[in-house]
């Protein structure tokens, strides 16, 4: 990725993540989660977990921006945000209601994720690209598995 693009992404990924989590929180995502999965988590846990995720996103884009050999992070993050968008869409379709986070996912993450994925596809060697996609998919599986012990069944 060109240096200018790296700097833009170092701002866009954390900024859009913060906006997305804000929409989720204000929309009551932990309660919505109960409708879809039968599990919920406290707002405190939700905010703490997403604060950690935000810090990890900042670290990831900073490393990718300043160190060579870490371009796989870009398709990885694109995979994460596009996968997250898909979960919001499927959750909303499942309950036939608004999924908190859906607006930012559709308006910010589909364009950002698509741009980064397409740009990465054009610029990166295929093993680097697919390694990033795999890392993103594994990350999302990990997020889902981590949600289990951090959430509780709805009474």
C-alpha atoms as a PDB file:
ATOM      1  CA  UNK A   1       0.000   0.000   0.000  1.00  0.00           C
ATOM      2  CA  UNK A   2       1.240   3.512  -0.702  1.00  0.00           C
ATOM      3  CA  UNK A   3       2.283   5.469   2.398  1.00  0.00           C
ATOM      4  CA  UNK A   4      -0.538   7.980   2.024  1.00  0.00           C
ATOM      5  CA  UNK A   5      -3.089   5.157   1.883  1.00  0.00           C
ATOM      6  CA  UNK A   6      -1.543   3.575   4.981  1.00  0.00           C
ATOM      7  CA  UNK A   7      -2.004   6.832   6.892  1.00  0.00           C
ATOM      8  CA  UNK A   8      -5.588   7.210   5.709  1.00  0.00           C
ATOM      9  CA  UNK A   9      -6.371   3.645   6.821  1.00  0.00           C
ATOM     10  CA  UNK A  10      -4.631   4.244  10.152  1.00  0.00           C
ATOM     11  CA  UNK A  11      -7.317   6.879  10.765  1.00  0.00           C
ATOM     12  CA  UNK A  12     -10.329   5.318   9.007  1.00  0.00           C
ATOM     13  CA  UNK A  13     -10.307   1.890  10.643  1.00  0.00           C
ATOM     14  CA  UNK A  14     -10.249   3.158  14.256  1.00  0.00           C
ATOM     15  CA  UNK A  15     -12.605   6.075  13.518  1.00  0.00           C
ATOM     16  CA  UNK A  16     -15.232   3.916  11.825  1.00  0.00           C
ATOM     17  CA  UNK A  17     -14.860   1.288  14.553  1.00  0.00           C
ATOM     18  CA  UNK A  18     -15.525   3.925  17.224  1.00  0.00           C
ATOM     19  CA  UNK A  19     -18.584   5.197  15.340  1.00  0.00           C
ATOM     20  CA  UNK A  20     -19.853   1.640  14.867  1.00  0.00           C
ATOM     21  CA  UNK A  21     -19.502   0.735  18.542  1.00  0.00           C
ATOM     22  CA  UNK A  22     -21.173   4.016  19.501  1.00  0.00           C
ATOM     23  CA  UNK A  23     -24.155   3.141  17.311  1.00  0.00           C
ATOM     24  CA  UNK A  24     -24.268  -0.361  18.796  1.00  0.00           C
ATOM     25  CA  UNK A  25     -24.127   0.960  22.353  1.00  0.00           C
ATOM     26  CA  UNK A  26     -26.693   3.744  21.865  1.00  0.00           C
ATOM     27  CA  UNK A  27     -28.956   1.275  20.054  1.00  0.00           C
ATOM     28  CA  UNK A  28     -28.771  -1.268  22.865  1.00  0.00           C
ATOM     29  CA  UNK A  29     -26.811  -3.991  21.109  1.00  0.00           C
ATOM     30  CA  UNK A  30     -26.447  -6.192  24.225  1.00  0.00           C
ATOM     31  CA  UNK A  31     -30.251  -6.400  24.421  1.00  0.00           C
ATOM     32  CA  UNK A  32     -30.549  -7.015  20.687  1.00  0.00           C
ATOM     33  CA  UNK A  33     -28.016  -9.823  21.066  1.00  0.00           C
ATOM     34  CA  UNK A  34     -30.505 -11.530  23.394  1.00  0.00           C
ATOM     35  CA  UNK A  35     -33.150 -11.568  20.647  1.00  0.00           C
ATOM     36  CA  UNK A  36     -30.809 -13.240  18.191  1.00  0.00           C
ATOM     37  CA  UNK A  37     -28.747 -15.567  20.372  1.00  0.00           C
ATOM     38  CA  UNK A  38     -30.588 -15.919  23.672  1.00  0.00           C
ATOM     39  CA  UNK A  39     -27.549 -14.441  25.430  1.00  0.00           C
ATOM     40  CA  UNK A  40     -26.798 -10.935  26.630  1.00  0.00           C
ATOM     41  CA  UNK A  41     -23.963  -9.039  28.286  1.00  0.00           C
ATOM     42  CA  UNK A  42     -23.845  -6.026  30.531  1.00  0.00           C
ATOM     43  CA  UNK A  43     -23.167  -2.627  29.010  1.00  0.00           C
ATOM     44  CA  UNK A  44     -19.987  -2.439  31.075  1.00  0.00           C
ATOM     45  CA  UNK A  45     -18.647  -5.694  29.609  1.00  0.00           C
ATOM     46  CA  UNK A  46     -19.736  -4.591  26.121  1.00  0.00           C
ATOM     47  CA  UNK A  47     -17.894  -1.269  26.414  1.00  0.00           C
ATOM     48  CA  UNK A  48     -14.786  -2.820  28.002  1.00  0.00           C
ATOM     49  CA  UNK A  49     -14.508  -5.545  25.368  1.00  0.00           C
ATOM     50  CA  UNK A  50     -14.968  -3.062  22.540  1.00  0.00           C
ATOM     51  CA  UNK A  51     -12.422  -0.733  24.147  1.00  0.00           C
ATOM     52  CA  UNK A  52      -9.895  -3.567  23.985  1.00  0.00           C
ATOM     53  CA  UNK A  53     -10.877  -4.306  20.375  1.00  0.00           C
ATOM     54  CA  UNK A  54     -10.432  -0.628  19.477  1.00  0.00           C
ATOM     55  CA  UNK A  55      -6.966  -0.607  21.036  1.00  0.00           C
ATOM     56  CA  UNK A  56      -6.074  -3.724  19.018  1.00  0.00           C
ATOM     57  CA  UNK A  57      -7.307  -2.084  15.805  1.00  0.00           C
ATOM     58  CA  UNK A  58      -5.184   1.007  16.534  1.00  0.00           C
ATOM     59  CA  UNK A  59      -2.130  -1.173  17.173  1.00  0.00           C
ATOM     60  CA  UNK A  60      -2.766  -3.252  14.039  1.00  0.00           C
ATOM     61  CA  UNK A  61      -3.075  -0.291  11.675  1.00  0.00           C
ATOM     62  CA  UNK A  62      -0.106   1.447  13.298  1.00  0.00           C
ATOM     63  CA  UNK A  63       2.067  -1.635  12.803  1.00  0.00           C
ATOM     64  CA  UNK A  64       0.859  -2.040   9.214  1.00  0.00           C
ATOM     65  CA  UNK A  65       1.520   1.644   8.515  1.00  0.00           C
ATOM     66  CA  UNK A  66       5.096   1.728   9.808  1.00  0.00           C
ATOM     67  CA  UNK A  67       6.461  -1.805   9.334  1.00  0.00           C
ATOM     68  CA  UNK A  68       7.002  -3.617   6.088  1.00  0.00           C
ATOM     69  CA  UNK A  69       5.729  -7.164   5.851  1.00  0.00           C
ATOM     70  CA  UNK A  70       2.461  -6.471   7.659  1.00  0.00           C
ATOM     71  CA  UNK A  71       0.258  -5.643   4.665  1.00  0.00           C
ATOM     72  CA  UNK A  72      -1.776  -8.784   5.388  1.00  0.00           C
ATOM     73  CA  UNK A  73      -3.399  -6.749   8.184  1.00  0.00           C
ATOM     74  CA  UNK A  74      -5.398  -4.736   5.634  1.00  0.00           C
ATOM     75  CA  UNK A  75      -7.329  -7.615   4.039  1.00  0.00           C
ATOM     76  CA  UNK A  76      -7.637  -9.054   7.544  1.00  0.00           C
ATOM     77  CA  UNK A  77      -9.377  -5.939   8.832  1.00  0.00           C
ATOM     78  CA  UNK A  78     -11.488  -5.739   5.661  1.00  0.00           C
ATOM     79  CA  UNK A  79     -12.622  -9.308   6.343  1.00  0.00           C
ATOM     80  CA  UNK A  80     -13.476  -8.453   9.947  1.00  0.00           C
ATOM     81  CA  UNK A  81     -15.622  -5.444   9.091  1.00  0.00           C
ATOM     82  CA  UNK A  82     -17.360  -7.125   6.145  1.00  0.00           C
ATOM     83  CA  UNK A  83     -18.059 -10.216   8.264  1.00  0.00           C
ATOM     84  CA  UNK A  84     -19.416  -7.966  11.026  1.00  0.00           C
ATOM     85  CA  UNK A  85     -21.669  -6.267   8.481  1.00  0.00           C
ATOM     86  CA  UNK A  86     -22.969  -9.665   7.382  1.00  0.00           C
ATOM     87  CA  UNK A  87     -23.794 -10.572  10.986  1.00  0.00           C
ATOM     88  CA  UNK A  88     -25.732  -7.339  11.421  1.00  0.00           C
ATOM     89  CA  UNK A  89     -27.649  -7.960   8.200  1.00  0.00           C
ATOM     90  CA  UNK A  90     -28.452 -11.564   9.096  1.00  0.00           C
ATOM     91  CA  UNK A  91     -29.399 -10.631  12.669  1.00  0.00           C
ATOM     92  CA  UNK A  92     -31.736  -7.903  11.428  1.00  0.00           C
ATOM     93  CA  UNK A  93     -33.284 -10.289   8.895  1.00  0.00           C
ATOM     94  CA  UNK A  94     -33.671 -12.998  11.541  1.00  0.00           C
ATOM     95  CA  UNK A  95     -35.656 -10.814  13.952  1.00  0.00           C
ATOM     96  CA  UNK A  96     -37.049  -8.493  11.254  1.00  0.00           C
ATOM     97  CA  UNK A  97     -35.897  -5.456  13.185  1.00  0.00           C
ATOM     98  CA  UNK A  98     -33.088  -2.916  13.282  1.00  0.00           C
ATOM     99  CA  UNK A  99     -29.762  -4.315  14.452  1.00  0.00           C
ATOM    100  CA  UNK A 100     -27.806  -1.682  16.412  1.00  0.00           C
ATOM    101  CA  UNK A 101     -24.698  -1.067  14.322  1.00  0.00           C
ATOM    102  CA  UNK A 102     -26.395  -1.767  10.993  1.00  0.00           C
ATOM    103  CA  UNK A 103     -26.363   1.855   9.773  1.00  0.00           C
ATOM    104  CA  UNK A 104     -22.609   2.321  10.234  1.00  0.00           C
ATOM    105  CA  UNK A 105     -21.948  -1.171   8.923  1.00  0.00           C
ATOM    106  CA  UNK A 106     -23.833  -0.430   5.697  1.00  0.00           C
ATOM    107  CA  UNK A 107     -22.775   3.187   5.231  1.00  0.00           C
ATOM    108  CA  UNK A 108     -19.143   3.007   6.400  1.00  0.00           C
ATOM    109  CA  UNK A 109     -17.928  -0.564   6.555  1.00  0.00           C
ATOM    110  CA  UNK A 110     -19.192  -1.903   3.251  1.00  0.00           C
ATOM    111  CA  UNK A 111     -17.466   0.917   1.318  1.00  0.00           C
ATOM    112  CA  UNK A 112     -14.289   0.781   3.454  1.00  0.00           C
ATOM    113  CA  UNK A 113     -14.080  -3.013   3.510  1.00  0.00           C
ATOM    114  CA  UNK A 114     -14.749  -3.309  -0.222  1.00  0.00           C
ATOM    115  CA  UNK A 115     -12.181  -0.632  -1.091  1.00  0.00           C
ATOM    116  CA  UNK A 116      -9.507  -2.186   1.127  1.00  0.00           C
ATOM    117  CA  UNK A 117     -10.227  -5.731  -0.072  1.00  0.00           C
ATOM    118  CA  UNK A 118     -10.125  -4.720  -3.751  1.00  0.00           C
ATOM    119  CA  UNK A 119      -7.009  -2.603  -3.272  1.00  0.00           C
ATOM    120  CA  UNK A 120      -5.310  -5.422  -1.361  1.00  0.00           C
ATOM    121  CA  UNK A 121      -6.286  -7.924  -4.052  1.00  0.00           C
ATOM    122  CA  UNK A 122      -4.664  -5.730  -6.730  1.00  0.00           C
ATOM    123  CA  UNK A 123      -1.501  -4.898  -4.781  1.00  0.00           C
ATOM    124  CA  UNK A 124      -0.625  -7.880  -2.619  1.00  0.00           C
ATOM    125  CA  UNK A 125       0.770 -11.281  -3.506  1.00  0.00           C
ATOM    126  CA  UNK A 126      -2.019 -13.890  -3.281  1.00  0.00           C
ATOM    127  CA  UNK A 127      -0.522 -15.697  -0.245  1.00  0.00           C
ATOM    128  CA  UNK A 128      -0.349 -12.375   1.637  1.00  0.00           C
ATOM    129  CA  UNK A 129      -3.901 -11.474   0.668  1.00  0.00           C
ATOM    130  CA  UNK A 130      -5.342 -14.867   1.605  1.00  0.00           C
ATOM    131  CA  UNK A 131      -3.294 -14.971   4.791  1.00  0.00           C
ATOM    132  CA  UNK A 132      -4.926 -11.699   5.816  1.00  0.00           C
ATOM    133  CA  UNK A 133      -8.402 -12.934   4.919  1.00  0.00           C
ATOM    134  CA  UNK A 134      -7.751 -16.068   6.969  1.00  0.00           C
ATOM    135  CA  UNK A 135      -6.502 -13.998   9.909  1.00  0.00           C
ATOM    136  CA  UNK A 136      -9.653 -11.872   9.721  1.00  0.00           C
ATOM    137  CA  UNK A 137     -11.923 -14.925   9.627  1.00  0.00           C
ATOM    138  CA  UNK A 138     -10.081 -16.531  12.549  1.00  0.00           C
ATOM    139  CA  UNK A 139     -10.391 -13.250  14.446  1.00  0.00           C
ATOM    140  CA  UNK A 140     -14.162 -13.206  13.966  1.00  0.00           C
ATOM    141  CA  UNK A 141     -14.456 -16.817  15.133  1.00  0.00           C
ATOM    142  CA  UNK A 142     -12.400 -15.839  18.191  1.00  0.00           C
ATOM    143  CA  UNK A 143     -14.662 -12.861  18.869  1.00  0.00           C
ATOM    144  CA  UNK A 144     -17.696 -15.138  18.726  1.00  0.00           C
ATOM    145  CA  UNK A 145     -16.121 -17.686  21.054  1.00  0.00           C
ATOM    146  CA  UNK A 146     -15.021 -14.955  23.468  1.00  0.00           C
ATOM    147  CA  UNK A 147     -18.585 -13.648  23.618  1.00  0.00           C
ATOM    148  CA  UNK A 148     -19.769 -16.917  25.181  1.00  0.00           C
ATOM    149  CA  UNK A 149     -17.986 -16.637  28.531  1.00  0.00           C
ATOM    150  CA  UNK A 150     -18.535 -12.856  28.613  1.00  0.00           C
ATOM    151  CA  UNK A 151     -22.269 -13.151  28.094  1.00  0.00           C
ATOM    152  CA  UNK A 152     -24.987 -14.856  30.044  1.00  0.00           C
ATOM    153  CA  UNK A 153     -28.151 -16.698  29.058  1.00  0.00           C
ATOM    154  CA  UNK A 154     -31.311 -14.626  29.051  1.00  0.00           C
ATOM    155  CA  UNK A 155     -33.464 -15.718  32.006  1.00  0.00           C
END
